[in-house]
Amino acid sequence: MIQRVTVPSLFPPPTYSHASVVEAGTRLAFLAGSVPLDAGGELVGPGDPVRQAEQVIANLREQLAAVGSDLAHVVSTDVYVVAGEPAVLSAVWEVVESSGLSTGPHSSTLIGVACLGYTGQLVEITATAVVPD
């Protein structure tokens, strides 16, 4: 159902694929950005991008479950991190890898940004997933 493509003529990505192809007729879920807020709307892990990434992944799991999918069926993500240093991006990416989200692997873009929507927010992940039958 999902064909993950790593292009031989391009530099091999470490833990993601260059593209994911889904056959027509498959249900897809386009998820809004998962953010590091708890069920009460409180920011989790102020000042801690790793802790925020863990909460974002937990929230992403909930979003996926609500539409009948899971991390293994994610085909694409954009990972936004408030950071000026590659080391912070790498630390967040380690959380993504250890979560099982990179199983497949999915296609992903890791992006350093100046700010995100909530005060103190350091991480957000948007995702597209296949919804299995």
C-alpha atoms as a PDB file:
ATOM      1  CA  MET A   1       0.000   0.000   0.000  1.00  0.00           C
ATOM      2  CA  ILE A   2       2.904   2.385   0.761  1.00  0.00           C
ATOM      3  CA  GLN A   3       5.995   2.455  -1.455  1.00  0.00           C
ATOM      4  CA  ARG A   4       8.886   4.262   0.190  1.00  0.00           C
ATOM      5  CA  VAL A   5      11.558   5.444  -2.229  1.00  0.00           C
ATOM      6  CA  THR A   6      15.186   6.301  -1.601  1.00  0.00           C
ATOM      7  CA  VAL A   7      16.638   7.665  -4.826  1.00  0.00           C
ATOM      8  CA  PRO A   8      19.952   5.920  -5.646  1.00  0.00           C
ATOM      9  CA  SER A   9      21.385   8.958  -7.456  1.00  0.00           C
ATOM     10  CA  LEU A  10      20.872  11.237  -4.414  1.00  0.00           C
ATOM     11  CA  PHE A  11      22.767  11.327  -1.134  1.00  0.00           C
ATOM     12  CA  PRO A  12      21.209   8.594   1.054  1.00  0.00           C
ATOM     13  CA  PRO A  13      19.112  10.074   3.870  1.00  0.00           C
ATOM     14  CA  PRO A  14      19.983   8.817   7.368  1.00  0.00           C
ATOM     15  CA  THR A  15      16.538   7.728   8.625  1.00  0.00           C
ATOM     16  CA  TYR A  16      13.895   8.869   6.173  1.00  0.00           C
ATOM     17  CA  SER A  17      12.988   8.245   2.547  1.00  0.00           C
ATOM     18  CA  HIS A  18      13.055  10.767  -0.286  1.00  0.00           C
ATOM     19  CA  ALA A  19       9.459  10.007  -1.263  1.00  0.00           C
ATOM     20  CA  SER A  20       6.432   7.932  -0.329  1.00  0.00           C
ATOM     21  CA  VAL A  21       3.936   6.781  -2.946  1.00  0.00           C
ATOM     22  CA  VAL A  22       0.411   5.760  -1.975  1.00  0.00           C
ATOM     23  CA  GLU A  23      -1.875   4.022  -4.468  1.00  0.00           C
ATOM     24  CA  ALA A  24      -5.093   5.808  -5.512  1.00  0.00           C
ATOM     25  CA  GLY A  25      -8.131   4.783  -3.526  1.00  0.00           C
ATOM     26  CA  THR A  26      -6.233   4.744  -0.226  1.00  0.00           C
ATOM     27  CA  ARG A  27      -7.580   6.899   2.566  1.00  0.00           C
ATOM     28  CA  LEU A  28      -5.167   9.593   3.723  1.00  0.00           C
ATOM     29  CA  ALA A  29      -5.228  11.698   6.884  1.00  0.00           C
ATOM     30  CA  PHE A  30      -3.700  15.184   6.818  1.00  0.00           C
ATOM     31  CA  LEU A  31      -3.003  16.111  10.429  1.00  0.00           C
ATOM     32  CA  ALA A  32      -2.764  19.596  11.841  1.00  0.00           C
ATOM     33  CA  GLY A  33       0.407  20.414  13.700  1.00  0.00           C
ATOM     34  CA  SER A  34       0.847  18.395  16.863  1.00  0.00           C
ATOM     35  CA  VAL A  35       1.944  20.710  19.670  1.00  0.00           C
ATOM     36  CA  PRO A  36       3.446  20.218  23.174  1.00  0.00           C
ATOM     37  CA  LEU A  37       0.273  20.970  25.149  1.00  0.00           C
ATOM     38  CA  ASP A  38      -1.325  18.559  27.603  1.00  0.00           C
ATOM     39  CA  ALA A  39      -5.060  17.788  27.628  1.00  0.00           C
ATOM     40  CA  GLY A  40      -5.628  20.846  29.837  1.00  0.00           C
ATOM     41  CA  GLY A  41      -3.896  23.170  27.380  1.00  0.00           C
ATOM     42  CA  GLU A  42      -0.758  23.612  29.491  1.00  0.00           C
ATOM     43  CA  LEU A  43       2.669  23.745  27.836  1.00  0.00           C
ATOM     44  CA  VAL A  44       4.717  20.616  28.620  1.00  0.00           C
ATOM     45  CA  GLY A  45       8.486  20.987  29.058  1.00  0.00           C
ATOM     46  CA  PRO A  46       9.009  24.761  29.075  1.00  0.00           C
ATOM     47  CA  GLY A  47      12.493  25.493  27.724  1.00  0.00           C
ATOM     48  CA  ASP A  48      13.135  21.795  26.980  1.00  0.00           C
ATOM     49  CA  PRO A  49      12.889  20.885  23.282  1.00  0.00           C
ATOM     50  CA  VAL A  50      13.427  17.166  23.942  1.00  0.00           C
ATOM     51  CA  ARG A  51      10.592  16.967  26.489  1.00  0.00           C
ATOM     52  CA  GLN A  52       8.376  19.006  24.166  1.00  0.00           C
ATOM     53  CA  ALA A  53       9.193  16.639  21.289  1.00  0.00           C
ATOM     54  CA  GLU A  54       8.153  13.685  23.455  1.00  0.00           C
ATOM     55  CA  GLN A  55       4.799  15.369  24.195  1.00  0.00           C
ATOM     56  CA  VAL A  56       4.336  16.244  20.526  1.00  0.00           C
ATOM     57  CA  ILE A  57       4.863  12.581  19.577  1.00  0.00           C
ATOM     58  CA  ALA A  58       2.403  11.475  22.278  1.00  0.00           C
ATOM     59  CA  ASN A  59      -0.163  13.945  20.945  1.00  0.00           C
ATOM     60  CA  LEU A  60       0.535  12.836  17.370  1.00  0.00           C
ATOM     61  CA  ARG A  61      -0.184   9.231  18.415  1.00  0.00           C
ATOM     62  CA  GLU A  62      -3.562  10.409  19.770  1.00  0.00           C
ATOM     63  CA  GLN A  63      -4.371  12.291  16.566  1.00  0.00           C
ATOM     64  CA  LEU A  64      -3.519   9.238  14.480  1.00  0.00           C
ATOM     65  CA  ALA A  65      -5.538   6.874  16.682  1.00  0.00           C
ATOM     66  CA  ALA A  66      -8.565   9.167  16.399  1.00  0.00           C
ATOM     67  CA  VAL A  67      -8.580   8.697  12.612  1.00  0.00           C
ATOM     68  CA  GLY A  68      -7.784   4.962  12.694  1.00  0.00           C
ATOM     69  CA  SER A  69      -4.067   5.165  11.932  1.00  0.00           C
ATOM     70  CA  ASP A  70      -0.729   4.979  13.761  1.00  0.00           C
ATOM     71  CA  LEU A  71       2.906   6.049  13.541  1.00  0.00           C
ATOM     72  CA  ALA A  72       3.802   3.143  11.244  1.00  0.00           C
ATOM     73  CA  HIS A  73       1.391   4.505   8.607  1.00  0.00           C
ATOM     74  CA  VAL A  74       2.820   8.041   8.536  1.00  0.00           C
ATOM     75  CA  VAL A  75       4.174   8.799   5.071  1.00  0.00           C
ATOM     76  CA  SER A  76       5.331  12.393   5.543  1.00  0.00           C
ATOM     77  CA  THR A  77       6.160  14.853   8.319  1.00  0.00           C
ATOM     78  CA  ASP A  78       7.422  18.375   8.778  1.00  0.00           C
ATOM     79  CA  VAL A  79       9.238  18.793  12.107  1.00  0.00           C
ATOM     80  CA  TYR A  80       9.504  22.423  13.228  1.00  0.00           C
ATOM     81  CA  VAL A  81      11.990  23.324  15.970  1.00  0.00           C
ATOM     82  CA  VAL A  82      12.721  26.740  17.450  1.00  0.00           C
ATOM     83  CA  ALA A  83      16.498  26.599  17.312  1.00  0.00           C
ATOM     84  CA  GLY A  84      19.531  28.414  16.048  1.00  0.00           C
ATOM     85  CA  GLU A  85      21.877  25.458  16.457  1.00  0.00           C
ATOM     86  CA  PRO A  86      21.907  22.144  14.557  1.00  0.00           C
ATOM     87  CA  ALA A  87      22.508  20.294  17.851  1.00  0.00           C
ATOM     88  CA  VAL A  88      19.004  21.221  19.056  1.00  0.00           C
ATOM     89  CA  LEU A  89      17.513  19.998  15.778  1.00  0.00           C
ATOM     90  CA  SER A  90      19.459  16.749  16.163  1.00  0.00           C
ATOM     91  CA  ALA A  91      18.231  16.242  19.724  1.00  0.00           C
ATOM     92  CA  VAL A  92      14.613  16.601  18.586  1.00  0.00           C
ATOM     93  CA  TRP A  93      15.238  14.287  15.630  1.00  0.00           C
ATOM     94  CA  GLU A  94      16.543  11.629  18.049  1.00  0.00           C
ATOM     95  CA  VAL A  95      13.132  11.722  19.765  1.00  0.00           C
ATOM     96  CA  VAL A  96      11.428  11.310  16.379  1.00  0.00           C
ATOM     97  CA  GLU A  97      13.639   8.323  15.542  1.00  0.00           C
ATOM     98  CA  SER A  98      13.187   6.599  18.895  1.00  0.00           C
ATOM     99  CA  SER A  99       9.405   7.029  18.760  1.00  0.00           C
ATOM    100  CA  GLY A 100       9.015   4.593  15.889  1.00  0.00           C
ATOM    101  CA  LEU A 101       7.841   7.410  13.625  1.00  0.00           C
ATOM    102  CA  SER A 102      10.825   6.872  11.355  1.00  0.00           C
ATOM    103  CA  THR A 103       9.828   3.225  10.794  1.00  0.00           C
ATOM    104  CA  GLY A 104       9.294   2.755   7.117  1.00  0.00           C
ATOM    105  CA  PRO A 105      11.046   5.212   6.827  1.00  0.00           C
ATOM    106  CA  HIS A 106       8.730   8.120   6.122  1.00  0.00           C
ATOM    107  CA  SER A 107       9.580  11.268   4.164  1.00  0.00           C
ATOM    108  CA  SER A 108      10.443  14.145   6.470  1.00  0.00           C
ATOM    109  CA  THR A 109      11.737  17.688   6.605  1.00  0.00           C
ATOM    110  CA  LEU A 110      13.434  19.013   9.758  1.00  0.00           C
ATOM    111  CA  ILE A 111      13.120  22.801   9.942  1.00  0.00           C
ATOM    112  CA  GLY A 112      14.645  25.345  12.320  1.00  0.00           C
ATOM    113  CA  VAL A 113      12.303  28.306  12.859  1.00  0.00           C
ATOM    114  CA  ALA A 114      12.278  31.578  14.819  1.00  0.00           C
ATOM    115  CA  CYS A 115       9.014  30.971  16.695  1.00  0.00           C
ATOM    116  CA  LEU A 116       5.853  28.854  16.811  1.00  0.00           C
ATOM    117  CA  GLY A 117       2.243  29.582  17.717  1.00  0.00           C
ATOM    118  CA  TYR A 118       2.133  29.174  21.511  1.00  0.00           C
ATOM    119  CA  THR A 119       4.232  31.138  23.990  1.00  0.00           C
ATOM    120  CA  GLY A 120       7.206  28.952  24.919  1.00  0.00           C
ATOM    121  CA  GLN A 121       6.505  26.375  22.219  1.00  0.00           C
ATOM    122  CA  LEU A 122       9.699  24.900  20.753  1.00  0.00           C
ATOM    123  CA  VAL A 123       8.473  21.911  18.673  1.00  0.00           C
ATOM    124  CA  GLU A 124       5.603  21.106  16.289  1.00  0.00           C
ATOM    125  CA  ILE A 125       5.074  18.234  13.859  1.00  0.00           C
ATOM    126  CA  THR A 126       2.621  18.061  10.963  1.00  0.00           C
ATOM    127  CA  ALA A 127       1.944  14.681   9.374  1.00  0.00           C
ATOM    128  CA  THR A 128       0.237  12.869   6.544  1.00  0.00           C
ATOM    129  CA  ALA A 129      -0.712   9.250   7.153  1.00  0.00           C
ATOM    130  CA  VAL A 130      -2.408   6.366   5.407  1.00  0.00           C
ATOM    131  CA  VAL A 131      -5.561   5.188   7.165  1.00  0.00           C
ATOM    132  CA  PRO A 132      -5.528   1.401   6.769  1.00  0.00           C
ATOM    133  CA  ASP A 133      -8.735  -0.477   5.942  1.00  0.00           C
END
